[in-house]
Amino acid sequence: MKKVVIIISLICICAVFVFSVTFAETPEQPKGQIIGPLNKKTDLRVDNIYAANCKTNCDLNDVDAFYMDKIIVGISNNYEKSGGAEVAAEIKITYYDLGLGRSVTVTKTSPSIKPHPINPWLVSVTMVDRPVLVKKSTGIRAEVKIIPPPLGPRIVTITDSDPSNNVKTVHQCGVILY
Protein backbone atom coordinates (compact mmCIF):
# COMPACT_ATOMS: atom_id res chain seq x y z
CA MET A 1 0.00 0.00 0.00
CA LYS A 2 2.85 2.36 0.82
CA LYS A 3 4.36 1.75 -2.64
CA VAL A 4 1.08 2.57 -4.34
CA VAL A 5 0.83 5.92 -2.49
CA ILE A 6 4.40 6.83 -3.47
CA ILE A 7 3.78 5.93 -7.13
CA ILE A 8 0.51 7.91 -7.24
CA SER A 9 2.23 10.88 -5.58
CA LEU A 10 5.05 10.81 -8.16
CA ILE A 11 2.52 10.60 -11.02
CA CYS A 12 0.64 13.62 -9.61
CA ILE A 13 3.84 15.65 -9.23
CA CYS A 14 4.87 14.81 -12.82
CA ALA A 15 1.38 15.72 -14.10
CA VAL A 16 1.45 19.08 -12.29
CA PHE A 17 4.92 19.81 -13.72
CA VAL A 18 3.88 18.90 -17.30
CA PHE A 19 0.71 21.03 -17.10
CA SER A 20 2.57 23.99 -15.60
CA VAL A 21 5.20 23.94 -18.35
CA THR A 22 2.67 23.35 -21.14
CA PHE A 23 0.24 26.07 -20.14
CA ALA A 24 2.76 28.58 -18.80
CA GLU A 25 2.51 32.01 -20.30
CA THR A 26 5.30 32.52 -22.83
CA PRO A 27 7.00 35.90 -22.67
CA GLU A 28 6.31 38.13 -25.65
CA GLN A 29 9.29 38.38 -28.00
CA PRO A 30 10.40 41.94 -28.74
CA LYS A 31 9.57 42.84 -32.34
CA GLY A 32 12.08 44.61 -34.59
CA GLN A 33 11.29 48.23 -34.03
CA ILE A 34 12.38 50.77 -36.59
CA ILE A 35 13.78 53.82 -34.92
CA GLY A 36 13.24 57.18 -36.58
CA PRO A 37 15.46 58.21 -39.50
CA LEU A 38 18.91 59.61 -38.87
CA ASN A 39 20.29 62.21 -41.27
CA LYS A 40 24.06 62.67 -41.38
CA LYS A 41 26.17 65.07 -43.38
CA THR A 42 29.66 64.62 -44.66
CA ASP A 43 32.02 66.35 -47.06
CA LEU A 44 34.01 63.84 -49.06
CA ARG A 45 36.46 65.30 -51.51
CA VAL A 46 39.21 64.34 -53.91
CA ASP A 47 42.30 66.13 -52.62
CA ASN A 48 44.87 64.97 -55.12
CA ILE A 49 45.77 62.56 -57.89
CA TYR A 50 49.47 61.77 -57.75
CA ALA A 51 52.28 59.28 -58.36
CA ALA A 52 55.05 57.88 -56.17
CA ASN A 53 57.61 59.21 -58.69
CA CYS A 54 57.41 61.31 -61.84
CA LYS A 55 59.91 61.03 -64.69
CA THR A 56 61.71 64.36 -64.61
CA ASN A 57 64.40 63.38 -67.14
CA CYS A 58 61.82 62.26 -69.71
CA ASP A 59 60.77 65.25 -71.82
CA LEU A 60 57.19 64.74 -72.97
CA ASN A 61 56.38 68.43 -73.52
CA ASP A 62 56.06 68.05 -77.31
CA VAL A 63 53.75 65.06 -77.00
CA ASP A 64 50.20 64.76 -75.70
CA ALA A 65 51.31 62.48 -72.85
CA PHE A 66 52.58 62.29 -69.29
CA TYR A 67 54.08 59.40 -67.34
CA MET A 68 53.07 58.14 -63.88
CA ASP A 69 54.71 55.16 -62.17
CA LYS A 70 51.39 54.48 -60.39
CA ILE A 71 48.16 56.37 -59.84
CA ILE A 72 47.21 57.23 -56.26
CA VAL A 73 44.14 59.22 -55.20
CA GLY A 74 44.00 61.17 -51.93
CA ILE A 75 40.52 61.37 -50.36
CA SER A 76 39.40 63.29 -47.28
CA ASN A 77 36.32 63.87 -45.16
CA ASN A 78 36.08 67.48 -43.95
CA TYR A 79 35.63 67.40 -40.17
CA GLU A 80 33.88 70.79 -39.80
CA LYS A 81 31.27 70.02 -42.46
CA SER A 82 30.77 66.34 -41.62
CA GLY A 83 29.95 66.63 -37.93
CA GLY A 84 31.98 63.50 -37.35
CA ALA A 85 30.13 61.18 -39.76
CA GLU A 86 32.28 58.25 -40.88
CA VAL A 87 31.41 56.97 -44.35
CA ALA A 88 32.28 54.29 -46.86
CA ALA A 89 33.19 55.57 -50.32
CA GLU A 90 33.59 54.47 -53.91
CA ILE A 91 36.56 55.95 -55.76
CA LYS A 92 36.60 55.89 -59.56
CA ILE A 93 39.27 57.08 -61.97
CA THR A 94 39.11 57.38 -65.75
CA TYR A 95 42.04 58.05 -68.07
CA TYR A 96 43.25 57.28 -71.59
CA ASP A 97 46.11 54.75 -71.47
CA LEU A 98 48.34 55.33 -74.50
CA GLY A 99 50.05 51.96 -73.98
CA LEU A 100 46.73 50.12 -74.24
CA GLY A 101 45.30 52.52 -76.82
CA ARG A 102 41.99 52.89 -74.99
CA SER A 103 40.14 54.60 -72.18
CA VAL A 104 40.42 52.85 -68.80
CA THR A 105 38.14 53.08 -65.75
CA VAL A 106 39.17 51.70 -62.36
CA THR A 107 36.80 51.58 -59.37
CA LYS A 108 37.70 50.74 -55.77
CA THR A 109 35.95 51.09 -52.43
CA SER A 110 37.18 52.37 -49.11
CA PRO A 111 35.17 50.91 -46.21
CA SER A 112 35.80 53.79 -43.82
CA ILE A 113 36.75 57.41 -44.28
CA LYS A 114 36.75 59.06 -40.88
CA PRO A 115 36.76 62.82 -40.40
CA HIS A 116 39.74 64.17 -38.49
CA PRO A 117 40.02 67.69 -37.03
CA ILE A 118 43.81 68.03 -37.48
CA ASN A 119 44.74 65.93 -40.52
CA PRO A 120 41.72 65.65 -42.80
CA TRP A 121 43.57 63.79 -45.54
CA LEU A 122 43.59 60.27 -44.14
CA VAL A 123 43.00 57.95 -47.08
CA SER A 124 45.36 57.33 -50.02
CA VAL A 125 44.07 54.74 -52.44
CA THR A 126 46.43 53.18 -55.00
CA MET A 127 44.20 52.89 -58.04
CA VAL A 128 46.79 51.66 -60.57
CA ASP A 129 49.96 49.93 -59.35
CA ARG A 130 51.96 49.94 -62.59
CA PRO A 131 53.58 52.52 -64.88
CA VAL A 132 51.09 54.34 -67.13
CA LEU A 133 51.49 56.70 -70.08
CA VAL A 134 48.43 58.97 -69.90
CA LYS A 135 47.03 61.15 -72.67
CA LYS A 136 47.62 64.69 -71.37
CA SER A 137 44.63 66.33 -73.11
CA THR A 138 42.28 63.82 -71.44
CA GLY A 139 44.08 63.71 -68.10
CA ILE A 140 43.11 61.58 -65.14
CA ARG A 141 39.66 62.18 -63.69
CA ALA A 142 38.96 60.98 -60.14
CA GLU A 143 35.56 60.93 -58.48
CA VAL A 144 34.45 59.92 -54.99
CA LYS A 145 30.91 59.17 -53.88
CA ILE A 146 29.23 57.95 -50.71
CA ILE A 147 28.28 54.29 -50.42
CA PRO A 148 24.93 54.20 -48.58
CA PRO A 149 25.06 52.35 -45.25
CA PRO A 150 23.40 48.92 -45.06
CA LEU A 151 19.79 48.79 -43.94
CA GLY A 152 19.32 48.19 -40.24
CA PRO A 153 16.89 49.06 -37.46
CA ARG A 154 17.48 52.74 -38.19
CA ILE A 155 17.21 54.37 -41.59
CA VAL A 156 20.40 56.39 -42.07
CA THR A 157 20.67 58.99 -44.80
CA ILE A 158 24.10 60.46 -45.53
CA THR A 159 24.37 63.49 -47.78
CA ASP A 160 27.45 65.26 -49.07
CA SER A 161 27.36 68.93 -48.08
CA ASP A 162 29.63 69.99 -50.97
CA PRO A 163 29.48 67.60 -53.96
CA SER A 164 31.37 70.08 -56.14
CA ASN A 165 34.70 68.93 -54.65
CA ASN A 166 34.03 65.22 -55.29
CA VAL A 167 35.63 65.33 -58.76
CA LYS A 168 39.12 66.37 -59.82
CA THR A 169 41.07 66.12 -63.07
CA VAL A 170 44.85 66.45 -63.48
CA HIS A 171 46.79 66.88 -66.74
CA GLN A 172 50.32 66.32 -65.44
CA CYS A 173 52.20 64.08 -63.04
CA GLY A 174 52.41 65.24 -59.45
CA VAL A 175 54.12 63.90 -56.32
CA ILE A 176 53.16 64.44 -52.69
CA LEU A 177 56.15 65.25 -50.49
CA TYR A 178 55.89 64.21 -46.85
C-alpha atoms as a PDB file:
ATOM      1  CA  MET A   1       0.000   0.000   0.000  1.00  0.00           C
ATOM      2  CA  LYS A   2       2.853   2.359   0.815  1.00  0.00           C
ATOM      3  CA  LYS A   3       4.363   1.750  -2.641  1.00  0.00           C
ATOM      4  CA  VAL A   4       1.076   2.575  -4.342  1.00  0.00           C
ATOM      5  CA  VAL A   5       0.830   5.916  -2.486  1.00  0.00           C
ATOM      6  CA  ILE A   6       4.398   6.834  -3.467  1.00  0.00           C
ATOM      7  CA  ILE A   7       3.783   5.928  -7.126  1.00  0.00           C
ATOM      8  CA  ILE A   8       0.512   7.912  -7.236  1.00  0.00           C
ATOM      9  CA  SER A   9       2.235  10.884  -5.579  1.00  0.00           C
ATOM     10  CA  LEU A  10       5.049  10.814  -8.162  1.00  0.00           C
ATOM     11  CA  ILE A  11       2.515  10.604 -11.016  1.00  0.00           C
ATOM     12  CA  CYS A  12       0.637  13.622  -9.615  1.00  0.00           C
ATOM     13  CA  ILE A  13       3.838  15.647  -9.233  1.00  0.00           C
ATOM     14  CA  CYS A  14       4.868  14.805 -12.824  1.00  0.00           C
ATOM     15  CA  ALA A  15       1.380  15.717 -14.104  1.00  0.00           C
ATOM     16  CA  VAL A  16       1.446  19.081 -12.287  1.00  0.00           C
ATOM     17  CA  PHE A  17       4.917  19.806 -13.724  1.00  0.00           C
ATOM     18  CA  VAL A  18       3.879  18.904 -17.302  1.00  0.00           C
ATOM     19  CA  PHE A  19       0.709  21.033 -17.103  1.00  0.00           C
ATOM     20  CA  SER A  20       2.572  23.992 -15.600  1.00  0.00           C
ATOM     21  CA  VAL A  21       5.202  23.937 -18.354  1.00  0.00           C
ATOM     22  CA  THR A  22       2.673  23.355 -21.144  1.00  0.00           C
ATOM     23  CA  PHE A  23       0.240  26.072 -20.142  1.00  0.00           C
ATOM     24  CA  ALA A  24       2.762  28.580 -18.796  1.00  0.00           C
ATOM     25  CA  GLU A  25       2.513  32.009 -20.300  1.00  0.00           C
ATOM     26  CA  THR A  26       5.299  32.517 -22.832  1.00  0.00           C
ATOM     27  CA  PRO A  27       7.000  35.902 -22.665  1.00  0.00           C
ATOM     28  CA  GLU A  28       6.308  38.133 -25.645  1.00  0.00           C
ATOM     29  CA  GLN A  29       9.291  38.380 -27.997  1.00  0.00           C
ATOM     30  CA  PRO A  30      10.397  41.936 -28.743  1.00  0.00           C
ATOM     31  CA  LYS A  31       9.575  42.844 -32.335  1.00  0.00           C
ATOM     32  CA  GLY A  32      12.076  44.612 -34.592  1.00  0.00           C
ATOM     33  CA  GLN A  33      11.290  48.225 -34.033  1.00  0.00           C
ATOM     34  CA  ILE A  34      12.381  50.765 -36.589  1.00  0.00           C
ATOM     35  CA  ILE A  35      13.776  53.820 -34.924  1.00  0.00           C
ATOM     36  CA  GLY A  36      13.242  57.183 -36.579  1.00  0.00           C
ATOM     37  CA  PRO A  37      15.459  58.211 -39.499  1.00  0.00           C
ATOM     38  CA  LEU A  38      18.913  59.610 -38.865  1.00  0.00           C
ATOM     39  CA  ASN A  39      20.286  62.209 -41.268  1.00  0.00           C
ATOM     40  CA  LYS A  40      24.061  62.675 -41.375  1.00  0.00           C
ATOM     41  CA  LYS A  41      26.167  65.070 -43.375  1.00  0.00           C
ATOM     42  CA  THR A  42      29.657  64.623 -44.660  1.00  0.00           C
ATOM     43  CA  ASP A  43      32.016  66.346 -47.057  1.00  0.00           C
ATOM     44  CA  LEU A  44      34.007  63.841 -49.062  1.00  0.00           C
ATOM     45  CA  ARG A  45      36.460  65.302 -51.508  1.00  0.00           C
ATOM     46  CA  VAL A  46      39.206  64.340 -53.912  1.00  0.00           C
ATOM     47  CA  ASP A  47      42.295  66.129 -52.619  1.00  0.00           C
ATOM     48  CA  ASN A  48      44.872  64.975 -55.122  1.00  0.00           C
ATOM     49  CA  ILE A  49      45.769  62.561 -57.887  1.00  0.00           C
ATOM     50  CA  TYR A  50      49.474  61.768 -57.750  1.00  0.00           C
ATOM     51  CA  ALA A  51      52.285  59.278 -58.355  1.00  0.00           C
ATOM     52  CA  ALA A  52      55.053  57.880 -56.174  1.00  0.00           C
ATOM     53  CA  ASN A  53      57.615  59.208 -58.687  1.00  0.00           C
ATOM     54  CA  CYS A  54      57.414  61.313 -61.837  1.00  0.00           C
ATOM     55  CA  LYS A  55      59.911  61.033 -64.690  1.00  0.00           C
ATOM     56  CA  THR A  56      61.713  64.363 -64.611  1.00  0.00           C
ATOM     57  CA  ASN A  57      64.395  63.382 -67.140  1.00  0.00           C
ATOM     58  CA  CYS A  58      61.823  62.256 -69.712  1.00  0.00           C
ATOM     59  CA  ASP A  59      60.774  65.253 -71.815  1.00  0.00           C
ATOM     60  CA  LEU A  60      57.191  64.738 -72.967  1.00  0.00           C
ATOM     61  CA  ASN A  61      56.378  68.432 -73.517  1.00  0.00           C
ATOM     62  CA  ASP A  62      56.063  68.054 -77.309  1.00  0.00           C
ATOM     63  CA  VAL A  63      53.746  65.059 -76.999  1.00  0.00           C
ATOM     64  CA  ASP A  64      50.195  64.755 -75.700  1.00  0.00           C
ATOM     65  CA  ALA A  65      51.305  62.480 -72.848  1.00  0.00           C
ATOM     66  CA  PHE A  66      52.578  62.287 -69.286  1.00  0.00           C
ATOM     67  CA  TYR A  67      54.076  59.395 -67.335  1.00  0.00           C
ATOM     68  CA  MET A  68      53.068  58.140 -63.881  1.00  0.00           C
ATOM     69  CA  ASP A  69      54.710  55.159 -62.166  1.00  0.00           C
ATOM     70  CA  LYS A  70      51.394  54.476 -60.391  1.00  0.00           C
ATOM     71  CA  ILE A  71      48.157  56.372 -59.844  1.00  0.00           C
ATOM     72  CA  ILE A  72      47.214  57.233 -56.263  1.00  0.00           C
ATOM     73  CA  VAL A  73      44.142  59.219 -55.199  1.00  0.00           C
ATOM     74  CA  GLY A  74      44.000  61.172 -51.930  1.00  0.00           C
ATOM     75  CA  ILE A  75      40.522  61.365 -50.360  1.00  0.00           C
ATOM     76  CA  SER A  76      39.401  63.290 -47.284  1.00  0.00           C
ATOM     77  CA  ASN A  77      36.316  63.866 -45.156  1.00  0.00           C
ATOM     78  CA  ASN A  78      36.082  67.476 -43.954  1.00  0.00           C
ATOM     79  CA  TYR A  79      35.633  67.401 -40.172  1.00  0.00           C
ATOM     80  CA  GLU A  80      33.877  70.785 -39.796  1.00  0.00           C
ATOM     81  CA  LYS A  81      31.272  70.017 -42.462  1.00  0.00           C
ATOM     82  CA  SER A  82      30.772  66.338 -41.616  1.00  0.00           C
ATOM     83  CA  GLY A  83      29.950  66.629 -37.930  1.00  0.00           C
ATOM     84  CA  GLY A  84      31.977  63.496 -37.346  1.00  0.00           C
ATOM     85  CA  ALA A  85      30.132  61.183 -39.764  1.00  0.00           C
ATOM     86  CA  GLU A  86      32.282  58.251 -40.879  1.00  0.00           C
ATOM     87  CA  VAL A  87      31.405  56.973 -44.354  1.00  0.00           C
ATOM     88  CA  ALA A  88      32.281  54.288 -46.861  1.00  0.00           C
ATOM     89  CA  ALA A  89      33.186  55.574 -50.315  1.00  0.00           C
ATOM     90  CA  GLU A  90      33.586  54.474 -53.906  1.00  0.00           C
ATOM     91  CA  ILE A  91      36.556  55.954 -55.763  1.00  0.00           C
ATOM     92  CA  LYS A  92      36.602  55.889 -59.560  1.00  0.00           C
ATOM     93  CA  ILE A  93      39.272  57.077 -61.970  1.00  0.00           C
ATOM     94  CA  THR A  94      39.113  57.376 -65.748  1.00  0.00           C
ATOM     95  CA  TYR A  95      42.044  58.049 -68.071  1.00  0.00           C
ATOM     96  CA  TYR A  96      43.252  57.285 -71.589  1.00  0.00           C
ATOM     97  CA  ASP A  97      46.110  54.748 -71.471  1.00  0.00           C
ATOM     98  CA  LEU A  98      48.343  55.325 -74.502  1.00  0.00           C
ATOM     99  CA  GLY A  99      50.051  51.958 -73.976  1.00  0.00           C
ATOM    100  CA  LEU A 100      46.733  50.116 -74.239  1.00  0.00           C
ATOM    101  CA  GLY A 101      45.299  52.523 -76.817  1.00  0.00           C
ATOM    102  CA  ARG A 102      41.990  52.887 -74.992  1.00  0.00           C
ATOM    103  CA  SER A 103      40.137  54.605 -72.179  1.00  0.00           C
ATOM    104  CA  VAL A 104      40.425  52.849 -68.796  1.00  0.00           C
ATOM    105  CA  THR A 105      38.137  53.078 -65.755  1.00  0.00           C
ATOM    106  CA  VAL A 106      39.175  51.700 -62.362  1.00  0.00           C
ATOM    107  CA  THR A 107      36.800  51.579 -59.371  1.00  0.00           C
ATOM    108  CA  LYS A 108      37.699  50.739 -55.772  1.00  0.00           C
ATOM    109  CA  THR A 109      35.948  51.088 -52.431  1.00  0.00           C
ATOM    110  CA  SER A 110      37.177  52.372 -49.112  1.00  0.00           C
ATOM    111  CA  PRO A 111      35.170  50.913 -46.209  1.00  0.00           C
ATOM    112  CA  SER A 112      35.799  53.791 -43.825  1.00  0.00           C
ATOM    113  CA  ILE A 113      36.752  57.414 -44.284  1.00  0.00           C
ATOM    114  CA  LYS A 114      36.746  59.064 -40.881  1.00  0.00           C
ATOM    115  CA  PRO A 115      36.761  62.818 -40.400  1.00  0.00           C
ATOM    116  CA  HIS A 116      39.736  64.166 -38.487  1.00  0.00           C
ATOM    117  CA  PRO A 117      40.024  67.686 -37.035  1.00  0.00           C
ATOM    118  CA  ILE A 118      43.808  68.033 -37.483  1.00  0.00           C
ATOM    119  CA  ASN A 119      44.743  65.928 -40.517  1.00  0.00           C
ATOM    120  CA  PRO A 120      41.720  65.649 -42.799  1.00  0.00           C
ATOM    121  CA  TRP A 121      43.572  63.787 -45.539  1.00  0.00           C
ATOM    122  CA  LEU A 122      43.588  60.271 -44.144  1.00  0.00           C
ATOM    123  CA  VAL A 123      43.003  57.950 -47.084  1.00  0.00           C
ATOM    124  CA  SER A 124      45.357  57.334 -50.017  1.00  0.00           C
ATOM    125  CA  VAL A 125      44.070  54.736 -52.445  1.00  0.00           C
ATOM    126  CA  THR A 126      46.430  53.184 -55.004  1.00  0.00           C
ATOM    127  CA  MET A 127      44.202  52.887 -58.042  1.00  0.00           C
ATOM    128  CA  VAL A 128      46.793  51.656 -60.567  1.00  0.00           C
ATOM    129  CA  ASP A 129      49.956  49.932 -59.349  1.00  0.00           C
ATOM    130  CA  ARG A 130      51.964  49.935 -62.590  1.00  0.00           C
ATOM    131  CA  PRO A 131      53.575  52.516 -64.884  1.00  0.00           C
ATOM    132  CA  VAL A 132      51.095  54.344 -67.125  1.00  0.00           C
ATOM    133  CA  LEU A 133      51.493  56.696 -70.077  1.00  0.00           C
ATOM    134  CA  VAL A 134      48.435  58.968 -69.895  1.00  0.00           C
ATOM    135  CA  LYS A 135      47.026  61.153 -72.672  1.00  0.00           C
ATOM    136  CA  LYS A 136      47.619  64.693 -71.369  1.00  0.00           C
ATOM    137  CA  SER A 137      44.627  66.333 -73.105  1.00  0.00           C
ATOM    138  CA  THR A 138      42.277  63.822 -71.440  1.00  0.00           C
ATOM    139  CA  GLY A 139      44.085  63.714 -68.102  1.00  0.00           C
ATOM    140  CA  ILE A 140      43.109  61.577 -65.144  1.00  0.00           C
ATOM    141  CA  ARG A 141      39.663  62.178 -63.688  1.00  0.00           C
ATOM    142  CA  ALA A 142      38.961  60.984 -60.139  1.00  0.00           C
ATOM    143  CA  GLU A 143      35.562  60.927 -58.484  1.00  0.00           C
ATOM    144  CA  VAL A 144      34.454  59.922 -54.991  1.00  0.00           C
ATOM    145  CA  LYS A 145      30.907  59.165 -53.877  1.00  0.00           C
ATOM    146  CA  ILE A 146      29.234  57.950 -50.706  1.00  0.00           C
ATOM    147  CA  ILE A 147      28.276  54.290 -50.417  1.00  0.00           C
ATOM    148  CA  PRO A 148      24.930  54.203 -48.578  1.00  0.00           C
ATOM    149  CA  PRO A 149      25.055  52.351 -45.246  1.00  0.00           C
ATOM    150  CA  PRO A 150      23.396  48.924 -45.058  1.00  0.00           C
ATOM    151  CA  LEU A 151      19.795  48.790 -43.937  1.00  0.00           C
ATOM    152  CA  GLY A 152      19.319  48.194 -40.239  1.00  0.00           C
ATOM    153  CA  PRO A 153      16.887  49.063 -37.455  1.00  0.00           C
ATOM    154  CA  ARG A 154      17.476  52.740 -38.192  1.00  0.00           C
ATOM    155  CA  ILE A 155      17.212  54.373 -41.592  1.00  0.00           C
ATOM    156  CA  VAL A 156      20.397  56.395 -42.066  1.00  0.00           C
ATOM    157  CA  THR A 157      20.675  58.988 -44.803  1.00  0.00           C
ATOM    158  CA  ILE A 158      24.096  60.465 -45.526  1.00  0.00           C
ATOM    159  CA  THR A 159      24.370  63.490 -47.784  1.00  0.00           C
ATOM    160  CA  ASP A 160      27.454  65.264 -49.067  1.00  0.00           C
ATOM    161  CA  SER A 161      27.361  68.925 -48.076  1.00  0.00           C
ATOM    162  CA  ASP A 162      29.632  69.987 -50.973  1.00  0.00           C
ATOM    163  CA  PRO A 163      29.475  67.596 -53.956  1.00  0.00           C
ATOM    164  CA  SER A 164      31.368  70.082 -56.142  1.00  0.00           C
ATOM    165  CA  ASN A 165      34.702  68.926 -54.655  1.00  0.00           C
ATOM    166  CA  ASN A 166      34.030  65.215 -55.292  1.00  0.00           C
ATOM    167  CA  VAL A 167      35.628  65.330 -58.758  1.00  0.00           C
ATOM    168  CA  LYS A 168      39.121  66.375 -59.822  1.00  0.00           C
ATOM    169  CA  THR A 169      41.071  66.118 -63.075  1.00  0.00           C
ATOM    170  CA  VAL A 170      44.846  66.449 -63.484  1.00  0.00           C
ATOM    171  CA  HIS A 171      46.792  66.884 -66.739  1.00  0.00           C
ATOM    172  CA  GLN A 172      50.317  66.317 -65.436  1.00  0.00           C
ATOM    173  CA  CYS A 173      52.203  64.082 -63.039  1.00  0.00           C
ATOM    174  CA  GLY A 174      52.407  65.242 -59.445  1.00  0.00           C
ATOM    175  CA  VAL A 175      54.122  63.898 -56.325  1.00  0.00           C
ATOM    176  CA  ILE A 176      53.164  64.444 -52.688  1.00  0.00           C
ATOM    177  CA  LEU A 177      56.154  65.252 -50.494  1.00  0.00           C
ATOM    178  CA  TYR A 178      55.890  64.208 -46.855  1.00  0.00           C
END
